[in-house]
Amino acid sequence: MKPYHLIATSLLLSAVPLSAADSIELKQQWIVGKKYFQTMEMTQTSSMAIGEKTMDQKMNMTSEISSAVTAHEDGLRKRLIMRYEHMAMTMDMAGQTMGFDSAKPTDDAMGIGKGIQPIIGKDIKMLISPQDEIQEIENYDEFIAALASGPGAAIAGKMFTKESLTEMVKQSALKSMPGHPVKPGDSWTFNTSMKLPQVGAMEVKGAYTFKAMAPHKGIPCAEIAMTATLNLAADTSPEDAKNQAPEAAMLKSMGMSIKNGTMTGTLYFDPALGMARDFEMKQAMEISMKNPADPTATMTIPMKQDIQMKLTKIEDLK
């Protein structure tokens, strides 16, 4: 073999491990004996035209959540004990500002926190598969029953459904793992559905794209872009119609639907930790419904949401 052939062969062989090194494996991991602390900040804005007037509305909500991980008795699964430590909300509507802070419940003159305050400090136990996937809420009925004596129990039961609670936990992770090592530029799809009791099923279809490995606040993270569409499918089955809440019937009679629903965001996933450290997401949609002032006409309400979730700290369980 000629010298330049040896050089070429050497270069080709050396390129193989370099290409493999560019690939990483993304796996969700809940570590037994650890307690994770996260914050979620959401800003929601909407605008509604009533006659010749336009009513703008803005809501800011902050949630602080802890998640403790323990071993399950079967030796295979894990138990995730989630707790809302603190929630605060302010709302500006029609020139009036109102708010709620779970740390100062007596300041809630408008009663906004009636459906939220009973949640604070209550444990929600979730079972996690050996593959670190959320399986089910273990104590949902017990959790809701604990709220029965609160003034906002009915509200809380509708806000915190099994689906919404599970989805909230999943927001700190990828909705779908690629299932194989990925390299920059690789994409994979996801399709999830969350049932909203007063409305219907919210379907989210989208894709993730692995952009690059890069330091995020000093920690090596996979930067992952997300794009998705939102679609609302109203409940139409006889069982749904039989069990639907009065609010659901009212909303359906108003012909409510979602148009042009989109989600875009960036997620910074720490492969060594097995969890997202930061997630920034923007949602936009148009809510279409019958005009209360003119049942023959339709009105459109543009709505936007900015959501950011951060992993603030991790502690060892005592």
Protein backbone atom coordinates (compact mmCIF):
# COMPACT_ATOMS: atom_id res chain seq x y z
CA MET A 1 0.00 0.00 0.00
CA LYS A 2 1.34 3.40 -0.98
CA PRO A 3 2.04 6.00 1.77
CA TYR A 4 -0.75 8.34 0.67
CA HIS A 5 -3.16 5.38 0.73
CA LEU A 6 -2.16 4.74 4.35
CA ILE A 7 -2.71 8.40 5.17
CA ALA A 8 -6.13 8.40 3.51
CA THR A 9 -7.15 5.19 5.28
CA SER A 10 -5.97 6.58 8.62
CA LEU A 11 -8.02 9.74 8.10
CA LEU A 12 -11.14 7.73 7.24
CA LEU A 13 -10.77 5.50 10.29
CA SER A 14 -10.17 8.45 12.58
CA ALA A 15 -13.33 10.11 11.24
CA VAL A 16 -15.56 7.27 12.50
CA PRO A 17 -15.18 7.87 16.25
CA LEU A 18 -15.45 11.62 15.73
CA SER A 19 -18.83 11.17 14.04
CA ALA A 20 -20.00 8.90 16.86
CA ALA A 21 -18.85 11.46 19.42
CA ASP A 22 -21.15 14.01 17.80
CA SER A 23 -24.14 11.84 18.69
CA ILE A 24 -25.72 11.91 22.13
CA GLU A 25 -28.44 9.90 23.82
CA LEU A 26 -31.32 11.79 25.40
CA LYS A 27 -32.99 9.94 28.26
CA GLN A 28 -35.28 11.24 30.99
CA GLN A 29 -34.03 10.28 34.45
CA TRP A 30 -35.58 10.72 37.87
CA ILE A 31 -32.89 10.00 40.46
CA VAL A 32 -34.04 8.23 43.63
CA GLY A 33 -33.12 10.18 46.75
CA LYS A 34 -33.21 13.57 45.03
CA LYS A 35 -35.65 16.48 45.34
CA TYR A 36 -36.02 18.81 42.36
CA PHE A 37 -37.23 22.40 42.61
CA GLN A 38 -38.71 24.18 39.60
CA THR A 39 -40.37 27.49 38.87
CA MET A 40 -42.86 28.17 36.11
CA GLU A 41 -43.67 31.69 34.95
CA MET A 42 -46.53 32.31 32.56
CA THR A 43 -47.74 35.50 30.93
CA GLN A 44 -51.03 35.38 29.04
CA THR A 45 -52.50 38.20 26.98
CA SER A 46 -55.77 38.36 25.06
CA SER A 47 -57.87 40.95 23.31
CA MET A 48 -61.63 40.87 22.79
CA ALA A 49 -63.70 43.30 20.74
CA ILE A 50 -67.09 44.12 22.28
CA GLY A 51 -69.00 46.41 19.94
CA GLU A 52 -66.70 49.31 19.17
CA LYS A 53 -64.62 48.74 22.30
CA THR A 54 -61.66 46.42 22.75
CA MET A 55 -61.04 44.78 26.11
CA ASP A 56 -57.45 43.74 26.75
CA GLN A 57 -56.59 41.23 29.43
CA LYS A 58 -53.22 40.23 30.88
CA MET A 59 -52.43 37.57 33.44
CA ASN A 60 -49.13 36.72 35.11
CA MET A 61 -48.75 33.51 37.10
CA THR A 62 -45.77 32.13 39.02
CA SER A 63 -45.63 28.58 40.41
CA GLU A 64 -42.93 27.00 42.56
CA ILE A 65 -42.98 23.21 42.50
CA SER A 66 -40.97 20.53 44.29
CA SER A 67 -40.63 16.90 43.16
CA ALA A 68 -39.15 14.26 45.47
CA VAL A 69 -38.18 10.85 44.09
CA THR A 70 -38.29 7.67 46.17
CA ALA A 71 -38.03 3.96 45.37
CA HIS A 72 -41.25 1.98 44.89
CA GLU A 73 -41.98 -1.11 46.98
CA ASP A 74 -41.82 -3.36 43.90
CA GLY A 75 -38.11 -2.59 43.48
CA LEU A 76 -38.60 -1.58 39.84
CA ARG A 77 -40.67 1.57 39.68
CA LYS A 78 -40.21 4.91 41.40
CA ARG A 79 -42.57 7.26 43.19
CA LEU A 80 -42.56 10.97 42.38
CA ILE A 81 -44.05 13.14 45.13
CA MET A 82 -44.92 16.53 43.66
CA ARG A 83 -46.04 19.55 45.64
CA TYR A 84 -47.04 23.10 44.78
CA GLU A 85 -44.98 25.11 47.25
CA HIS A 86 -46.17 28.55 46.19
CA MET A 87 -48.42 30.17 43.57
CA ALA A 88 -49.05 33.82 42.80
CA MET A 89 -51.16 35.49 40.12
CA THR A 90 -52.03 39.00 38.98
CA MET A 91 -54.67 39.89 36.41
CA ASP A 92 -55.35 43.16 34.61
CA MET A 93 -58.76 43.32 32.98
CA ALA A 94 -60.85 46.28 31.87
CA GLY A 95 -58.64 48.67 33.80
CA GLN A 96 -58.95 46.69 37.03
CA THR A 97 -56.05 44.87 38.69
CA MET A 98 -56.57 41.91 40.99
CA GLY A 99 -54.28 39.25 42.33
CA PHE A 100 -53.58 36.33 44.61
CA ASP A 101 -50.51 35.09 46.51
CA SER A 102 -50.63 31.79 48.38
CA ALA A 103 -48.13 33.21 50.88
CA LYS A 104 -50.68 35.93 51.76
CA PRO A 105 -54.10 34.26 51.37
CA THR A 106 -55.90 36.82 53.54
CA ASP A 107 -55.11 39.53 50.99
CA ASP A 108 -57.34 37.87 48.40
CA ALA A 109 -60.30 40.27 48.55
CA MET A 110 -61.65 39.14 45.16
CA GLY A 111 -61.54 35.44 46.07
CA ILE A 112 -59.37 34.55 43.08
CA GLY A 113 -57.39 32.00 45.06
CA LYS A 114 -60.35 29.93 46.30
CA GLY A 115 -59.60 27.20 43.80
CA ILE A 116 -55.84 27.44 44.23
CA GLN A 117 -55.08 27.84 47.94
CA PRO A 118 -56.27 24.30 48.87
CA ILE A 119 -53.69 22.87 46.45
CA ILE A 120 -50.69 24.47 48.17
CA GLY A 121 -48.73 22.00 50.28
CA LYS A 122 -50.70 18.93 49.17
CA ASP A 123 -48.73 15.93 47.87
CA ILE A 124 -49.48 14.48 44.45
CA LYS A 125 -47.97 11.00 44.12
CA MET A 126 -47.07 9.74 40.66
CA LEU A 127 -45.77 6.35 39.62
CA ILE A 128 -42.76 6.25 37.30
CA SER A 129 -41.90 3.29 35.12
CA PRO A 130 -38.46 1.63 35.14
CA GLN A 131 -37.87 3.63 31.93
CA ASP A 132 -38.48 6.87 33.91
CA GLU A 133 -41.80 7.63 32.21
CA ILE A 134 -44.76 9.07 34.14
CA GLN A 135 -47.36 6.28 34.36
CA GLU A 136 -50.22 7.48 36.52
CA ILE A 137 -51.26 9.57 39.50
CA GLU A 138 -51.36 7.20 42.45
CA ASN A 139 -53.46 9.28 44.87
CA TYR A 140 -55.62 11.47 42.61
CA ASP A 141 -58.94 10.66 44.31
CA GLU A 142 -57.40 11.18 47.73
CA PHE A 143 -55.84 14.44 46.54
CA ILE A 144 -59.17 15.80 45.25
CA ALA A 145 -61.04 14.55 48.33
CA ALA A 146 -58.65 16.53 50.53
CA LEU A 147 -59.92 19.67 48.81
CA ALA A 148 -63.59 18.87 49.38
CA SER A 149 -63.86 21.08 52.45
CA GLY A 150 -62.32 24.07 50.71
CA PRO A 151 -64.49 26.87 49.27
CA GLY A 152 -63.03 26.32 45.82
CA ALA A 153 -63.15 22.53 45.73
CA ALA A 154 -65.32 22.37 42.60
CA ILE A 155 -63.06 24.83 40.80
CA ALA A 156 -59.92 22.96 41.85
CA GLY A 157 -61.31 19.64 40.64
CA LYS A 158 -61.87 21.08 37.18
CA MET A 159 -58.54 22.90 37.01
CA PHE A 160 -56.39 20.05 38.30
CA THR A 161 -57.51 17.02 36.34
CA LYS A 162 -55.40 13.89 36.02
CA GLU A 163 -54.43 14.98 32.54
CA SER A 164 -53.48 18.55 33.43
CA LEU A 165 -51.40 17.48 36.44
CA THR A 166 -49.58 14.82 34.45
CA GLU A 167 -48.98 17.23 31.60
CA MET A 168 -47.60 19.81 34.01
CA VAL A 169 -44.96 17.34 35.18
CA LYS A 170 -44.17 16.35 31.61
CA GLN A 171 -43.54 19.99 30.69
CA SER A 172 -40.23 19.71 32.51
CA ALA A 173 -39.19 17.01 30.05
CA LEU A 174 -39.42 16.15 26.39
CA LYS A 175 -42.91 15.01 25.37
CA SER A 176 -41.20 12.40 23.24
CA MET A 177 -37.70 10.92 23.34
CA PRO A 178 -35.99 10.08 20.04
CA GLY A 179 -35.32 6.50 21.15
CA HIS A 180 -31.84 6.48 19.62
CA PRO A 181 -28.69 8.63 19.67
CA VAL A 182 -29.07 11.93 17.82
CA LYS A 183 -26.67 14.38 16.28
CA PRO A 184 -27.07 18.09 15.45
CA GLY A 185 -29.79 18.54 12.82
CA ASP A 186 -31.73 15.38 13.73
CA SER A 187 -35.49 15.73 14.34
CA TRP A 188 -38.24 13.53 15.81
CA THR A 189 -41.98 14.01 16.16
CA PHE A 190 -44.49 13.92 19.00
CA ASN A 191 -48.28 13.82 19.27
CA THR A 192 -50.02 14.31 22.61
CA SER A 193 -53.58 15.00 23.73
CA MET A 194 -54.83 16.53 26.96
CA LYS A 195 -58.50 16.52 27.90
CA LEU A 196 -59.87 19.84 29.14
CA PRO A 197 -63.11 19.23 31.10
CA GLN A 198 -64.85 22.45 30.12
CA VAL A 199 -63.86 22.39 26.48
CA GLY A 200 -62.64 19.18 24.88
CA ALA A 201 -59.34 17.54 23.94
CA MET A 202 -56.35 19.72 23.15
CA GLU A 203 -54.18 17.94 20.60
CA VAL A 204 -50.55 18.95 20.19
CA LYS A 205 -48.58 17.76 17.14
CA GLY A 206 -45.03 18.81 16.58
CA ALA A 207 -41.35 18.04 16.26
CA TYR A 208 -38.11 18.50 18.14
CA THR A 209 -34.80 19.34 16.46
CA PHE A 210 -31.46 18.85 18.18
CA LYS A 211 -29.51 22.00 17.37
CA ALA A 212 -26.20 21.57 19.21
CA MET A 213 -24.44 20.80 22.47
CA ALA A 214 -23.50 24.07 24.12
CA PRO A 215 -22.96 25.52 27.60
CA HIS A 216 -26.17 26.83 29.16
CA LYS A 217 -25.44 28.87 32.25
CA GLY A 218 -22.13 27.04 32.48
CA ILE A 219 -23.58 23.52 32.11
CA PRO A 220 -23.24 21.41 28.91
CA CYS A 221 -26.78 21.07 27.53
CA ALA A 222 -28.46 19.89 24.36
CA GLU A 223 -30.22 22.85 22.77
CA ILE A 224 -33.46 21.50 21.33
CA ALA A 225 -35.91 23.54 19.25
CA MET A 226 -39.62 22.73 19.29
CA THR A 227 -42.40 23.61 16.86
CA ALA A 228 -45.99 22.40 17.12
CA THR A 229 -49.60 23.07 16.21
CA LEU A 230 -52.56 23.15 18.58
CA ASN A 231 -56.01 21.82 17.75
CA LEU A 232 -59.12 21.62 19.89
CA ALA A 233 -61.44 18.65 19.39
CA ALA A 234 -64.74 19.10 21.24
CA ASP A 235 -66.19 16.20 23.25
CA THR A 236 -68.98 14.67 21.23
CA SER A 237 -69.45 11.15 22.60
CA PRO A 238 -72.72 10.27 24.43
CA GLU A 239 -70.73 9.54 27.59
CA ASP A 240 -69.05 12.94 27.44
CA ALA A 241 -72.39 14.62 26.86
CA LYS A 242 -73.90 12.75 29.80
CA ASN A 243 -71.14 13.64 32.24
CA GLN A 244 -70.12 17.05 31.00
CA ALA A 245 -70.09 19.98 33.43
CA PRO A 246 -72.57 22.83 32.90
CA GLU A 247 -69.66 25.05 31.90
CA ALA A 248 -68.76 22.60 29.13
CA ALA A 249 -72.30 22.62 27.74
CA MET A 250 -72.31 26.40 27.81
CA LEU A 251 -68.98 26.66 25.98
CA LYS A 252 -70.07 24.16 23.35
CA SER A 253 -73.30 26.06 22.78
CA MET A 254 -71.11 29.10 22.11
CA GLY A 255 -69.38 27.20 19.30
CA MET A 256 -65.91 27.72 20.71
CA SER A 257 -62.96 26.53 18.65
CA ILE A 258 -59.25 27.23 18.32
CA LYS A 259 -57.68 28.40 15.08
CA ASN A 260 -54.08 28.99 14.06
CA GLY A 261 -52.75 27.46 17.27
CA THR A 262 -48.95 27.29 17.33
CA MET A 263 -46.18 26.52 19.81
CA THR A 264 -42.50 27.34 19.46
CA GLY A 265 -39.79 27.01 22.03
CA THR A 266 -36.31 26.05 23.08
CA LEU A 267 -35.46 23.40 25.63
CA TYR A 268 -32.05 23.01 27.26
CA PHE A 269 -31.68 19.35 28.20
CA ASP A 270 -28.85 18.20 30.45
CA PRO A 271 -27.92 14.65 29.25
CA ALA A 272 -25.82 13.98 32.34
CA LEU A 273 -28.70 14.87 34.66
CA GLY A 274 -31.42 13.41 32.44
CA MET A 275 -33.64 16.47 32.72
CA ALA A 276 -34.32 19.84 31.14
CA ARG A 277 -32.76 22.71 33.04
CA ASP A 278 -34.62 25.43 31.17
CA PHE A 279 -37.59 25.56 28.84
CA GLU A 280 -38.90 28.64 27.04
CA MET A 281 -42.13 28.38 25.05
CA LYS A 282 -44.44 30.73 23.16
CA GLN A 283 -48.03 29.84 22.33
CA ALA A 284 -50.36 31.74 20.03
CA MET A 285 -53.92 30.98 19.03
CA GLU A 286 -57.19 32.51 17.96
CA ILE A 287 -60.27 31.52 19.95
CA SER A 288 -63.35 31.66 17.76
CA MET A 289 -66.85 31.72 19.24
CA LYS A 290 -70.37 33.00 18.69
CA ASN A 291 -70.84 36.67 19.45
CA PRO A 292 -73.07 36.99 22.57
CA ALA A 293 -74.43 40.25 21.21
CA ASP A 294 -75.25 38.71 17.81
CA PRO A 295 -75.68 34.89 17.69
CA THR A 296 -75.46 34.98 13.89
CA ALA A 297 -71.96 36.49 14.02
CA THR A 298 -68.62 35.05 15.11
CA MET A 299 -66.00 36.79 17.21
CA THR A 300 -62.29 36.04 17.35
CA ILE A 301 -60.12 36.46 20.45
CA PRO A 302 -56.35 36.46 19.81
CA MET A 303 -54.44 34.95 22.74
CA LYS A 304 -50.73 34.61 23.47
CA GLN A 305 -48.88 32.80 26.23
CA ASP A 306 -45.21 32.94 27.18
CA ILE A 307 -44.11 30.13 29.48
CA GLN A 308 -40.72 29.55 31.08
CA MET A 309 -39.81 26.62 33.31
CA LYS A 310 -36.53 26.51 35.20
CA LEU A 311 -34.84 23.91 37.34
CA THR A 312 -33.67 26.05 40.24
CA LYS A 313 -31.98 23.51 42.52
CA ILE A 314 -31.60 19.83 43.46
CA GLU A 315 -31.32 18.58 47.04
CA ASP A 316 -30.73 15.22 48.69
CA LEU A 317 -33.74 13.82 50.52
CA LYS A 318 -33.30 13.77 54.25
